[in-house]
Amino acid sequence: MTTPRGITYLLLTASLFWCLGVDETIAAERERIWTPSELIGGKAEAFWKGRSKLVVRFRVDAIRFVPTRYPDGSERRVLHLVPFGDLHTRNDFSVPISTRVLAALKRGGIRDIEDYFLGKIVEVKGKISATPLHLILSDTKWTYHINVRKLEQLIRVEPDPAASPRSRFV
């Protein structure tokens, strides 16, 4: 015969195992290496809202210098790494590199930053951030970024064995 205490114990144990399974699934997704197109395909918003750190791997197809205005009124051109992919991927995801990280790379002996990244396979780790673009007579368009503010966020930069070297700036 089952007692109310036994039923409560059974339900608590079952919910604990279920929660552990869900946590393992979330942890596995965080540890997974993502591509920009996978994130843009609906996952970016969930991770942006959850503020999880992710690892994203892609081939740098272009370097884009984006004029950026800061709250203090200053304006700088920020280097963005643009992934290889279709137009949707190229326009909706990028990796801005902070001036502090660029300075650290230059101190490390890298003279031509654009050449260092262009055509290479890059892995970065960080939180997804989103920027809205409010269009007239249209839905708000969101672009997603992983801001590289520390050198440690650049996990890997290596040549792509399948790509031929080329130079393209956007």
Foldseek 3Di string as FASTA:
>chain_A
DDDPVNVVVVVVVVVVVVVVVVVVVVVVQQADEAELVVCVVPVVVVQQVVQGKHKYKFAQAAWEFCWDADPVGDIGTWIWGAGDDDPCSRPAEIETEDPVLVVVVVVVPDDDPQQQRHQWMWMFIGGKHWDWDDDPPDDIHIHIYGYHPDNVRGPDTGHDPVDDDDHDYD
